[in-house]
Structure formats: structure tokens, C-alpha cells
N, C-alpha and C. Protein backbone atom coordinates (compact mmCIF):
# COMPACT_ATOMS: atom_id res chain seq x y z
N UNK A 1 -5.50 10.01 -21.14
CA UNK A 1 -5.99 9.04 -20.19
C UNK A 1 -6.22 9.88 -18.75
N UNK A 2 -7.26 9.43 -18.12
CA UNK A 2 -7.75 10.00 -17.00
C UNK A 2 -7.80 8.93 -15.98
N UNK A 3 -7.19 9.12 -14.77
CA UNK A 3 -7.22 8.02 -13.79
C UNK A 3 -8.19 8.54 -12.66
N UNK A 4 -8.96 7.48 -12.19
CA UNK A 4 -9.96 7.58 -11.19
C UNK A 4 -9.27 6.68 -9.89
N UNK A 5 -8.94 7.32 -8.79
CA UNK A 5 -8.22 6.67 -7.65
C UNK A 5 -9.36 6.49 -6.65
N UNK A 6 -9.52 5.12 -6.40
CA UNK A 6 -10.50 4.75 -5.24
C UNK A 6 -9.72 4.57 -4.08
N UNK A 7 -9.21 5.44 -3.50
CA UNK A 7 -8.35 5.45 -2.23
C UNK A 7 -8.50 6.54 -1.37
N UNK A 8 -8.34 6.44 -0.12
CA UNK A 8 -8.39 7.49 0.80
C UNK A 8 -6.92 8.01 1.28
N UNK A 9 -6.03 7.16 0.72
CA UNK A 9 -4.66 7.42 0.93
C UNK A 9 -4.07 8.74 0.22
N UNK A 10 -3.62 9.70 0.99
CA UNK A 10 -3.07 10.90 0.46
C UNK A 10 -1.61 10.53 -0.16
N UNK A 11 -1.09 9.59 0.27
CA UNK A 11 0.21 9.23 -0.35
C UNK A 11 0.05 8.68 -1.76
N UNK A 12 -0.94 7.85 -2.03
CA UNK A 12 -1.20 7.23 -3.22
C UNK A 12 -1.64 8.35 -4.34
N UNK A 13 -2.46 9.35 -3.82
CA UNK A 13 -2.79 10.43 -4.75
C UNK A 13 -1.54 11.24 -5.16
N UNK A 14 -0.85 11.59 -4.04
CA UNK A 14 0.48 12.34 -4.48
C UNK A 14 1.36 11.61 -5.37
N UNK A 15 1.62 10.28 -5.30
CA UNK A 15 2.38 9.52 -5.96
C UNK A 15 1.77 9.42 -7.58
N UNK A 16 0.42 9.22 -7.72
CA UNK A 16 -0.15 9.35 -8.98
C UNK A 16 0.02 10.75 -9.68
N UNK A 17 -0.14 11.78 -8.85
CA UNK A 17 0.09 13.11 -9.52
C UNK A 17 1.40 13.42 -10.00
N UNK A 18 2.37 12.77 -9.24
CA UNK A 18 3.71 12.88 -9.75
C UNK A 18 4.14 12.28 -11.05
N UNK A 19 3.34 11.26 -11.37
CA UNK A 19 3.50 10.77 -12.67
C UNK A 19 2.96 11.64 -13.86
N UNK A 20 2.22 12.59 -13.46
CA UNK A 20 1.89 13.64 -14.59
C UNK A 20 0.54 13.24 -15.19
N UNK A 21 -0.26 12.41 -14.68
CA UNK A 21 -1.42 11.83 -15.25
C UNK A 21 -2.63 12.54 -14.34
N UNK A 22 -3.65 13.09 -15.04
CA UNK A 22 -4.70 13.70 -14.20
C UNK A 22 -5.39 12.60 -13.29
N UNK A 23 -5.66 12.85 -12.12
CA UNK A 23 -6.33 12.08 -11.18
C UNK A 23 -7.48 12.54 -10.46
N UNK A 24 -8.54 11.85 -10.27
CA UNK A 24 -9.69 12.18 -9.75
C UNK A 24 -9.90 11.14 -8.67
N UNK A 25 -10.21 11.54 -7.35
CA UNK A 25 -10.45 10.78 -6.23
C UNK A 25 -11.95 10.40 -6.36
N UNK A 26 -12.28 9.01 -6.19
CA UNK A 26 -13.61 8.55 -6.14
C UNK A 26 -13.89 7.71 -4.90
N UNK A 27 -15.00 7.54 -4.41
CA UNK A 27 -15.32 7.01 -3.26
C UNK A 27 -15.98 5.59 -3.58
N UNK A 28 -15.55 4.62 -2.82
CA UNK A 28 -16.15 3.26 -2.70
C UNK A 28 -16.44 2.83 -1.37
N UNK A 29 -17.33 1.86 -1.12
CA UNK A 29 -17.77 1.53 0.08
C UNK A 29 -17.66 0.06 -0.02
N UNK A 30 -16.65 -0.69 0.48
CA UNK A 30 -16.54 -2.20 0.45
C UNK A 30 -16.05 -2.66 2.01
N UNK A 31 -16.50 -3.79 2.29
CA UNK A 31 -15.88 -4.38 3.54
C UNK A 31 -14.54 -5.11 2.98
N UNK A 32 -13.50 -4.60 3.49
CA UNK A 32 -12.17 -5.19 3.14
C UNK A 32 -11.79 -6.54 3.89
N UNK A 33 -12.60 -7.46 3.52
CA UNK A 33 -12.46 -8.85 4.18
C UNK A 33 -12.05 -9.88 2.95
N UNK A 34 -11.03 -10.71 3.26
CA UNK A 34 -10.71 -11.71 2.36
C UNK A 34 -10.87 -13.08 3.23
N UNK A 35 -11.16 -14.16 2.48
CA UNK A 35 -11.33 -15.45 3.33
C UNK A 35 -10.05 -15.72 4.14
N UNK A 36 -10.28 -16.22 5.45
CA UNK A 36 -9.13 -16.44 6.21
C UNK A 36 -8.01 -17.31 5.81
N UNK A 37 -8.32 -18.18 4.83
CA UNK A 37 -7.35 -19.06 4.23
C UNK A 37 -6.50 -18.62 3.16
N UNK A 38 -6.75 -17.30 2.88
CA UNK A 38 -6.08 -16.66 1.72
C UNK A 38 -4.54 -16.50 1.93
N UNK A 39 -3.72 -16.90 1.16
CA UNK A 39 -2.20 -16.82 1.34
C UNK A 39 -1.84 -15.33 1.57
N UNK A 40 -0.90 -15.05 2.50
CA UNK A 40 -0.46 -13.68 2.65
C UNK A 40 0.01 -13.05 1.49
N UNK A 41 0.55 -13.68 0.52
CA UNK A 41 1.28 -13.08 -0.62
C UNK A 41 0.19 -12.62 -1.61
N UNK A 42 -1.15 -13.10 -1.47
CA UNK A 42 -2.08 -12.63 -2.46
C UNK A 42 -3.31 -11.78 -1.82
N UNK A 43 -3.08 -11.36 -0.41
CA UNK A 43 -4.14 -10.76 0.22
C UNK A 43 -4.08 -9.19 -0.52
N UNK A 44 -3.13 -8.68 -0.64
CA UNK A 44 -3.08 -7.18 -1.25
C UNK A 44 -3.89 -7.16 -2.57
N UNK A 45 -3.41 -8.06 -3.43
CA UNK A 45 -4.04 -8.06 -4.71
C UNK A 45 -5.51 -8.44 -4.79
N UNK A 46 -5.96 -9.37 -3.69
CA UNK A 46 -7.28 -9.67 -3.60
C UNK A 46 -8.12 -8.40 -3.12
N UNK A 47 -7.57 -7.75 -2.18
CA UNK A 47 -8.19 -6.53 -1.71
C UNK A 47 -8.34 -5.43 -2.80
N UNK A 48 -7.30 -5.35 -3.59
CA UNK A 48 -7.32 -4.34 -4.61
C UNK A 48 -8.50 -4.76 -5.63
N UNK A 49 -8.68 -5.99 -5.96
CA UNK A 49 -9.66 -6.49 -6.87
C UNK A 49 -11.06 -6.25 -6.17
N UNK A 50 -11.31 -6.42 -4.88
CA UNK A 50 -12.41 -6.25 -4.10
C UNK A 50 -12.92 -4.78 -4.22
N UNK A 51 -11.92 -3.97 -4.01
CA UNK A 51 -12.24 -2.53 -4.07
C UNK A 51 -12.64 -2.10 -5.53
N UNK A 52 -12.07 -2.63 -6.54
CA UNK A 52 -12.37 -2.27 -7.94
C UNK A 52 -13.88 -2.70 -8.10
N UNK A 53 -14.20 -3.87 -7.65
CA UNK A 53 -15.46 -4.37 -7.81
C UNK A 53 -16.64 -3.36 -7.07
N UNK A 54 -16.10 -2.66 -6.07
CA UNK A 54 -16.97 -1.82 -5.30
C UNK A 54 -17.33 -0.38 -6.00
N UNK A 55 -16.64 -0.25 -7.14
CA UNK A 55 -16.94 0.95 -7.95
C UNK A 55 -17.94 0.62 -8.97
N UNK A 56 -19.10 1.05 -9.09
CA UNK A 56 -20.16 0.65 -9.82
C UNK A 56 -20.41 1.42 -11.05
N UNK A 57 -19.91 2.75 -11.04
CA UNK A 57 -20.12 3.53 -12.23
C UNK A 57 -19.46 3.03 -13.48
N UNK A 58 -20.05 3.22 -14.61
CA UNK A 58 -19.45 2.71 -15.86
C UNK A 58 -18.21 3.72 -16.23
N UNK A 59 -17.20 3.07 -16.71
CA UNK A 59 -16.11 3.97 -17.18
C UNK A 59 -16.06 4.19 -18.65
N UNK A 60 -15.67 5.27 -19.09
CA UNK A 60 -15.72 5.71 -20.59
C UNK A 60 -14.33 5.48 -21.06
N UNK A 61 -14.16 5.53 -22.50
CA UNK A 61 -12.91 5.49 -23.17
C UNK A 61 -11.89 6.41 -22.49
N UNK A 62 -10.76 5.89 -22.37
CA UNK A 62 -9.74 6.81 -21.72
C UNK A 62 -9.70 6.95 -20.18
N UNK A 63 -10.72 6.28 -19.62
CA UNK A 63 -10.70 6.41 -18.21
C UNK A 63 -10.25 5.00 -17.57
N UNK A 64 -9.50 5.23 -16.56
CA UNK A 64 -9.00 4.00 -15.87
C UNK A 64 -9.20 4.06 -14.29
N UNK A 65 -9.77 3.28 -13.74
CA UNK A 65 -9.94 3.02 -12.36
C UNK A 65 -8.63 2.47 -11.71
N UNK A 66 -8.17 3.07 -10.71
CA UNK A 66 -7.12 2.48 -9.96
C UNK A 66 -7.29 2.10 -8.51
N UNK A 67 -7.32 1.00 -8.17
CA UNK A 67 -7.55 0.45 -6.61
C UNK A 67 -6.28 -0.24 -6.20
N UNK A 68 -5.98 -0.08 -4.91
CA UNK A 68 -4.69 -0.70 -4.36
C UNK A 68 -4.97 -0.94 -2.86
N UNK A 69 -4.09 -1.99 -2.48
CA UNK A 69 -4.09 -2.28 -1.00
C UNK A 69 -2.59 -2.57 -0.81
N UNK A 70 -2.25 -2.14 0.49
CA UNK A 70 -0.84 -2.52 0.94
C UNK A 70 -0.85 -3.38 2.27
N UNK A 71 -0.12 -4.47 2.38
CA UNK A 71 -0.11 -5.13 3.59
C UNK A 71 1.30 -5.35 4.00
N UNK A 72 1.55 -5.51 5.28
CA UNK A 72 2.95 -5.80 5.81
C UNK A 72 2.84 -7.18 6.27
N UNK A 73 3.74 -8.08 5.96
CA UNK A 73 3.80 -9.36 6.38
C UNK A 73 5.23 -9.67 7.16
N UNK A 74 5.01 -10.11 8.36
CA UNK A 74 6.30 -10.39 9.24
C UNK A 74 6.20 -11.68 9.76
N UNK A 75 7.18 -12.53 9.23
CA UNK A 75 7.06 -13.89 9.78
C UNK A 75 5.74 -14.72 9.67
N UNK A 76 5.23 -14.40 8.34
CA UNK A 76 4.03 -15.03 8.05
C UNK A 76 2.77 -14.45 8.68
N UNK A 77 2.85 -13.53 9.44
CA UNK A 77 1.76 -12.89 9.96
C UNK A 77 1.42 -11.44 9.31
N UNK A 78 -0.02 -11.22 8.96
CA UNK A 78 -0.34 -9.98 8.54
C UNK A 78 -0.34 -8.83 9.62
N UNK A 79 0.37 -7.65 9.34
CA UNK A 79 0.26 -6.58 10.29
C UNK A 79 -0.46 -5.49 9.64
N UNK A 80 -1.66 -5.33 10.28
CA UNK A 80 -2.49 -4.13 9.59
C UNK A 80 -2.29 -2.92 10.32
N UNK A 81 -3.24 -2.00 10.37
CA UNK A 81 -3.10 -0.65 10.96
C UNK A 81 -3.32 -0.89 12.46
N UNK A 82 -2.47 -0.20 13.33
CA UNK A 82 -2.50 -0.45 14.68
C UNK A 82 -3.80 0.21 15.43
N UNK A 83 -4.29 -0.22 16.27
CA UNK A 83 -5.63 0.29 16.89
C UNK A 83 -5.24 1.09 18.24
N UNK A 84 -4.11 1.01 18.63
CA UNK A 84 -3.70 1.71 20.00
C UNK A 84 -2.17 2.00 19.87
N UNK A 85 -1.79 2.90 20.74
CA UNK A 85 -0.40 3.26 20.96
C UNK A 85 0.44 1.83 21.28
N UNK A 86 -0.24 1.10 22.27
CA UNK A 86 0.46 -0.09 22.71
C UNK A 86 0.72 -1.04 21.49
N UNK A 87 -0.33 -1.24 20.77
CA UNK A 87 -0.37 -2.14 19.52
C UNK A 87 0.67 -1.52 18.46
N UNK A 88 0.82 -0.22 18.30
CA UNK A 88 1.82 0.34 17.38
C UNK A 88 3.31 -0.02 17.84
N UNK A 89 3.42 0.20 19.12
CA UNK A 89 4.69 -0.09 19.72
C UNK A 89 5.09 -1.60 19.57
N UNK A 90 4.20 -2.48 19.87
CA UNK A 90 4.38 -3.85 19.61
C UNK A 90 4.77 -4.17 18.28
N UNK A 91 4.04 -3.63 17.23
CA UNK A 91 4.42 -3.83 15.93
C UNK A 91 5.73 -3.39 15.48
N UNK A 92 6.07 -2.19 15.96
CA UNK A 92 7.34 -1.66 15.70
C UNK A 92 8.52 -2.57 16.32
N UNK A 93 8.22 -3.00 17.54
CA UNK A 93 9.13 -3.91 18.35
C UNK A 93 9.42 -5.18 17.69
N UNK A 94 8.38 -5.87 17.03
CA UNK A 94 8.43 -7.01 16.26
C UNK A 94 9.26 -6.72 15.12
N UNK A 95 9.18 -5.62 14.40
CA UNK A 95 9.89 -5.20 13.07
C UNK A 95 11.40 -4.94 13.50
N UNK A 96 11.60 -4.48 14.50
CA UNK A 96 12.93 -3.91 14.99
C UNK A 96 14.01 -5.23 14.73
N UNK A 97 15.00 -4.83 14.14
CA UNK A 97 16.27 -5.75 13.85
C UNK A 97 15.82 -6.91 13.00
N UNK A 98 14.90 -6.78 12.21
CA UNK A 98 14.32 -7.91 11.55
C UNK A 98 14.00 -7.47 10.01
N UNK A 99 13.56 -8.47 9.25
CA UNK A 99 13.13 -8.07 7.79
C UNK A 99 11.76 -8.38 7.78
N UNK A 100 10.94 -7.73 7.00
CA UNK A 100 9.63 -7.95 6.75
C UNK A 100 9.27 -7.62 5.30
N UNK A 101 8.12 -8.16 4.78
CA UNK A 101 7.78 -7.95 3.34
C UNK A 101 6.52 -7.10 3.29
N UNK A 102 6.58 -6.12 2.36
CA UNK A 102 5.50 -5.32 2.08
C UNK A 102 4.92 -5.67 0.61
N UNK A 103 3.71 -5.95 0.67
CA UNK A 103 3.04 -6.32 -0.72
C UNK A 103 2.03 -5.20 -0.94
N UNK A 104 2.10 -4.74 -2.15
CA UNK A 104 1.05 -3.82 -2.60
C UNK A 104 0.31 -4.44 -3.84
N UNK A 105 -1.05 -4.74 -3.78
CA UNK A 105 -1.73 -5.11 -4.92
C UNK A 105 -2.35 -4.00 -5.51
N UNK A 106 -2.56 -4.06 -6.86
CA UNK A 106 -3.13 -3.01 -7.77
C UNK A 106 -4.09 -3.53 -8.70
N UNK A 107 -5.25 -2.97 -8.93
CA UNK A 107 -6.16 -3.40 -9.91
C UNK A 107 -6.42 -2.24 -10.79
N UNK A 108 -6.22 -2.27 -11.97
CA UNK A 108 -6.34 -1.29 -13.09
C UNK A 108 -7.64 -1.82 -13.92
N UNK A 109 -8.67 -0.97 -13.99
CA UNK A 109 -9.80 -1.50 -14.76
C UNK A 109 -10.41 -0.31 -15.61
N UNK A 110 -10.56 -0.63 -16.97
CA UNK A 110 -11.18 0.37 -17.84
C UNK A 110 -12.52 -0.37 -18.34
N UNK A 111 -13.16 0.42 -19.37
CA UNK A 111 -14.20 -0.24 -20.02
C UNK A 111 -13.77 -1.45 -20.95
N UNK A 112 -12.59 -1.60 -21.22
CA UNK A 112 -12.00 -2.63 -22.16
C UNK A 112 -11.30 -3.60 -21.52
N UNK A 113 -10.53 -3.49 -20.39
CA UNK A 113 -9.80 -4.47 -19.83
C UNK A 113 -9.69 -4.33 -18.31
N UNK A 114 -9.07 -5.28 -17.83
CA UNK A 114 -8.65 -5.32 -16.24
C UNK A 114 -7.39 -5.93 -15.99
N UNK A 115 -6.47 -5.28 -15.27
CA UNK A 115 -5.23 -6.07 -14.92
C UNK A 115 -5.01 -5.94 -13.37
N UNK A 116 -4.66 -7.07 -12.83
CA UNK A 116 -4.45 -7.10 -11.30
C UNK A 116 -3.10 -7.59 -11.12
N UNK A 117 -2.35 -6.86 -10.38
CA UNK A 117 -0.86 -7.32 -10.11
C UNK A 117 -0.50 -7.00 -8.62
N UNK A 118 0.57 -7.60 -8.29
CA UNK A 118 1.16 -7.33 -6.86
C UNK A 118 2.52 -7.31 -7.02
N UNK A 119 3.32 -6.44 -6.22
CA UNK A 119 4.72 -6.24 -6.09
C UNK A 119 4.93 -6.53 -4.67
N UNK A 120 6.18 -6.75 -4.37
CA UNK A 120 6.69 -7.08 -3.10
C UNK A 120 7.97 -6.37 -2.79
N UNK A 121 8.20 -5.96 -1.47
CA UNK A 121 9.55 -5.30 -1.17
C UNK A 121 9.82 -5.85 0.16
N UNK A 122 11.05 -6.29 0.19
CA UNK A 122 11.58 -6.74 1.50
C UNK A 122 12.30 -5.43 2.23
N UNK A 123 11.88 -5.18 3.55
CA UNK A 123 12.39 -3.91 4.19
C UNK A 123 13.22 -4.51 5.47
N UNK A 124 14.33 -3.98 5.70
CA UNK A 124 15.22 -4.30 6.72
C UNK A 124 15.28 -3.24 7.76
N UNK A 125 14.85 -3.40 8.94
CA UNK A 125 15.01 -2.51 9.94
C UNK A 125 16.17 -2.83 10.86
N UNK A 126 16.83 -1.76 11.32
CA UNK A 126 17.89 -1.90 12.21
C UNK A 126 17.21 -2.14 13.61
N UNK A 127 18.06 -2.49 14.54
CA UNK A 127 17.41 -2.64 15.95
C UNK A 127 17.07 -1.23 16.48
N UNK A 128 15.89 -1.19 16.92
CA UNK A 128 15.41 0.14 17.35
C UNK A 128 15.14 0.24 18.91
N UNK A 129 15.72 1.27 19.49
CA UNK A 129 15.53 1.50 20.84
C UNK A 129 14.10 1.77 21.13
N UNK A 130 13.69 1.53 22.42
CA UNK A 130 12.31 1.75 22.79
C UNK A 130 12.10 3.42 22.70
N UNK A 131 12.97 4.21 22.96
CA UNK A 131 12.82 5.60 23.00
C UNK A 131 12.46 5.96 21.47
N UNK A 132 13.18 5.44 20.71
CA UNK A 132 13.05 5.80 19.10
C UNK A 132 11.56 5.43 18.76
N UNK A 133 11.13 4.24 19.19
CA UNK A 133 9.82 3.84 18.82
C UNK A 133 8.81 4.65 19.42
N UNK A 134 8.93 4.90 20.71
CA UNK A 134 7.96 5.88 21.41
C UNK A 134 7.89 7.26 20.72
N UNK A 135 9.12 7.73 20.54
CA UNK A 135 9.18 9.09 19.89
C UNK A 135 8.32 9.06 18.48
N UNK A 136 8.44 8.06 17.70
CA UNK A 136 7.77 8.03 16.44
C UNK A 136 6.35 7.81 16.53
N UNK A 137 6.02 6.87 17.45
CA UNK A 137 4.44 6.77 17.72
C UNK A 137 3.87 7.96 18.36
N UNK A 138 4.49 8.61 19.14
CA UNK A 138 3.88 9.91 19.79
C UNK A 138 3.78 10.94 18.69
N UNK A 139 4.51 10.89 17.69
CA UNK A 139 4.41 11.85 16.45
C UNK A 139 2.91 11.85 15.88
N UNK A 140 2.33 10.59 16.07
CA UNK A 140 0.89 10.47 15.76
C UNK A 140 0.62 10.19 14.13
N UNK A 141 1.66 9.77 13.43
CA UNK A 141 1.28 9.53 12.08
C UNK A 141 1.27 7.93 11.67
N UNK A 142 1.52 7.11 12.62
CA UNK A 142 1.66 5.74 12.41
C UNK A 142 0.29 5.09 12.49
N UNK A 143 -0.79 5.60 12.84
CA UNK A 143 -1.93 4.86 13.14
C UNK A 143 -2.80 4.48 11.86
N UNK A 144 -2.58 5.14 10.72
CA UNK A 144 -3.23 4.86 9.64
C UNK A 144 -2.31 4.08 8.59
N UNK A 145 -1.31 3.48 9.13
CA UNK A 145 -0.36 2.63 8.28
C UNK A 145 -0.21 1.32 8.72
N UNK A 146 -0.31 0.44 7.64
CA UNK A 146 0.03 -1.04 7.91
C UNK A 146 1.48 -1.23 8.54
N UNK A 147 1.54 -2.04 9.48
CA UNK A 147 2.79 -2.23 10.19
C UNK A 147 3.24 -1.08 11.13
N UNK A 148 2.32 -0.13 11.25
CA UNK A 148 2.57 1.12 12.12
C UNK A 148 3.81 2.05 11.75
N UNK A 149 4.16 2.06 10.35
CA UNK A 149 5.27 2.97 10.01
C UNK A 149 4.93 3.35 8.56
N UNK A 150 5.56 4.43 8.17
CA UNK A 150 5.63 5.07 6.85
C UNK A 150 7.12 5.20 6.61
N UNK A 151 7.59 4.40 5.50
CA UNK A 151 8.97 4.50 5.21
C UNK A 151 9.53 5.92 4.88
N UNK A 152 8.52 6.75 4.30
CA UNK A 152 8.90 8.20 4.07
C UNK A 152 8.92 9.08 5.16
N UNK A 153 8.61 8.64 6.31
CA UNK A 153 8.66 9.41 7.50
C UNK A 153 9.91 9.23 8.37
N UNK A 154 9.88 9.84 9.54
CA UNK A 154 11.16 9.82 10.35
C UNK A 154 11.73 8.52 10.63
N UNK A 155 10.73 7.59 10.92
CA UNK A 155 11.23 6.24 11.43
C UNK A 155 11.82 5.54 10.26
N UNK A 156 11.28 5.69 9.05
CA UNK A 156 11.97 5.15 7.90
C UNK A 156 13.55 5.74 7.65
N UNK A 157 13.56 7.00 7.94
CA UNK A 157 14.92 7.74 7.74
C UNK A 157 15.80 7.32 8.85
N UNK A 158 15.52 6.85 10.11
CA UNK A 158 16.39 6.53 10.96
C UNK A 158 16.39 5.12 11.13
N UNK A 159 15.42 4.28 10.88
CA UNK A 159 15.35 2.86 11.22
C UNK A 159 15.43 1.81 10.05
N UNK A 160 15.18 2.25 8.82
CA UNK A 160 15.37 1.31 7.78
C UNK A 160 16.73 1.22 7.17
N UNK A 161 17.47 0.05 7.27
CA UNK A 161 18.88 0.03 6.87
C UNK A 161 18.86 -0.20 5.39
N UNK A 162 17.92 -0.91 4.78
CA UNK A 162 17.96 -1.10 3.34
C UNK A 162 16.68 -1.78 2.92
N UNK A 163 16.34 -1.75 1.68
CA UNK A 163 15.14 -2.38 1.11
C UNK A 163 15.70 -3.18 -0.17
N UNK A 164 14.85 -4.29 -0.52
CA UNK A 164 15.16 -4.98 -1.75
C UNK A 164 13.79 -5.09 -2.47
N UNK A 165 13.74 -4.18 -3.58
CA UNK A 165 12.48 -4.03 -4.22
C UNK A 165 12.23 -2.53 -4.32
N UNK A 166 11.03 -2.21 -4.77
CA UNK A 166 10.58 -0.83 -5.03
C UNK A 166 10.30 0.01 -3.88
N UNK A 167 10.91 1.04 -3.69
CA UNK A 167 10.81 1.98 -2.61
C UNK A 167 9.15 2.43 -2.55
N UNK A 168 8.74 2.89 -3.66
CA UNK A 168 7.42 3.45 -3.86
C UNK A 168 6.34 2.37 -3.44
N UNK A 169 6.60 1.07 -3.68
CA UNK A 169 5.82 0.01 -3.23
C UNK A 169 5.52 0.08 -1.81
N UNK A 170 6.38 0.29 -0.99
CA UNK A 170 6.36 0.37 0.58
C UNK A 170 5.47 1.59 0.94
N UNK A 171 5.55 2.74 0.07
CA UNK A 171 4.63 3.85 0.28
C UNK A 171 3.28 3.63 -0.16
N UNK A 172 2.95 2.50 -0.80
CA UNK A 172 1.61 2.19 -1.16
C UNK A 172 1.39 2.14 -2.62
N UNK A 173 2.27 2.25 -3.51
CA UNK A 173 1.88 2.13 -5.03
C UNK A 173 3.10 1.92 -5.79
N UNK A 174 3.34 0.86 -6.37
CA UNK A 174 4.57 0.43 -7.13
C UNK A 174 4.56 1.29 -8.40
N UNK A 175 5.10 2.50 -8.50
CA UNK A 175 4.96 3.47 -9.60
C UNK A 175 5.55 2.93 -10.95
N UNK A 176 6.80 2.17 -10.84
CA UNK A 176 7.36 1.75 -12.12
C UNK A 176 6.54 0.70 -12.79
N UNK A 177 6.01 -0.30 -12.08
CA UNK A 177 5.06 -1.37 -12.52
C UNK A 177 3.85 -0.63 -12.99
N UNK A 178 3.43 0.22 -12.23
CA UNK A 178 2.00 0.97 -12.56
C UNK A 178 2.21 1.53 -13.87
N UNK A 179 3.12 2.33 -14.05
CA UNK A 179 3.33 3.20 -15.26
C UNK A 179 3.51 2.19 -16.41
N UNK A 180 4.45 1.34 -16.21
CA UNK A 180 4.63 0.17 -17.34
C UNK A 180 3.19 -0.33 -17.73
N UNK A 181 2.45 -0.69 -16.77
CA UNK A 181 1.02 -1.45 -17.18
C UNK A 181 0.26 -0.34 -17.83
N UNK A 182 0.17 0.78 -17.45
CA UNK A 182 -0.71 1.93 -18.00
C UNK A 182 -0.38 2.27 -19.41
N UNK A 183 1.06 2.17 -19.70
CA UNK A 183 1.44 2.58 -21.03
C UNK A 183 1.76 1.40 -22.05
N UNK A 184 1.50 0.21 -21.48
CA UNK A 184 1.96 -0.99 -22.35
C UNK A 184 0.69 -1.43 -23.23
N UNK A 185 -0.44 -0.89 -23.00
CA UNK A 185 -1.69 -1.50 -23.83
C UNK A 185 -2.72 -0.31 -23.95
N UNK A 186 -3.73 -0.66 -24.72
CA UNK A 186 -4.80 0.46 -25.04
C UNK A 186 -5.78 0.22 -23.89
N UNK A 187 -6.10 1.34 -23.20
CA UNK A 187 -6.98 1.24 -22.25
C UNK A 187 -8.37 1.78 -22.73
């Protein structure tokens, strides 16, 4: 099996490579927009499907296209990627001392079949001092992450008390479910 990953995320590429399956990165160009009335629990899977449709090249036997999207939902509100330092601090401040849910939607498509699924993980942050949030934001790695944080980074090490669900889902790809889907059927 050969996987084509349509993602700019270096984390997703790294995670797939750790599964031991050859991965080739491919480009897609889609406007990541879902209808405003879309329920927050299906936004990620809707975006993963939209991205899959954006890949127009035909797939051969043994080739599987993987697309994914991750969203952070806090108190019913979607938290995207921050656009400024102040917005990143505001996002982290809202997550501080509270629980939020990370959804990752995945679409797997071959010349024979297509599977779309979503996983969710609840993430519990301890109360974060302003100085901790500023230190992390000033590291400069939060701007390309939904919710303004990466669990695998410093802020995750010092701020996340616990999770309920798949750790890798919070990183952007629910590996256990992905592996199960890839190995459970003929692609």
C-alpha cells in the first residue's frame, strides 16, 4: 500500500511515517469552508471530505489518499488558528482551567472505496498563568495550530492535566483508528 497525504502538516507526515507505510505528500487547493449551520462535531470530517474531493488525479490499485482536518471546540465555539499574538493569548486564556474537545476528521479514498470518519478527544488544561501563556506564544510555534497550541509542545507538557481519548488525535491524526481502517479492508 502507498499513501498519498494531502496535507501541509509536518506532524501528520511524521505520524504516518511512524506507521511504517510509504507516504508521498501531494498538493491540493481547496477553500476550506463549510456551511455556517454545520454542527461543530462534523466540521472536521466535512473538511476532510472536501479536501479529498480537491485531489483530482486518479488513484491506482494499492494507492490510498489520506486527507484530514483538526478542529478545537470550546464551549460550542470553533477555535481556528490564531491570526495574531493577542488572539493566541485569548484562545489559551479561554482554554485555561477548562476542558475542550479536539475533533479530527479523516477521509481515506482509493480507486475502490472511500471511508470518512471522525475521532474526538477531550483535553483538560490546568489553570495557566499569563506568563506561561506569553512564554509559549513567544516561542512562535502556536500560530499554525487550531486552538493556538500543540499538545506535543512545551505548553502541552506543562499545561495539559489529562486527556480522554486518543493522544495522536490531538496532534492531528488518530493513528489507531486510521491503522484499523487501512488494514480492515481491501483498498
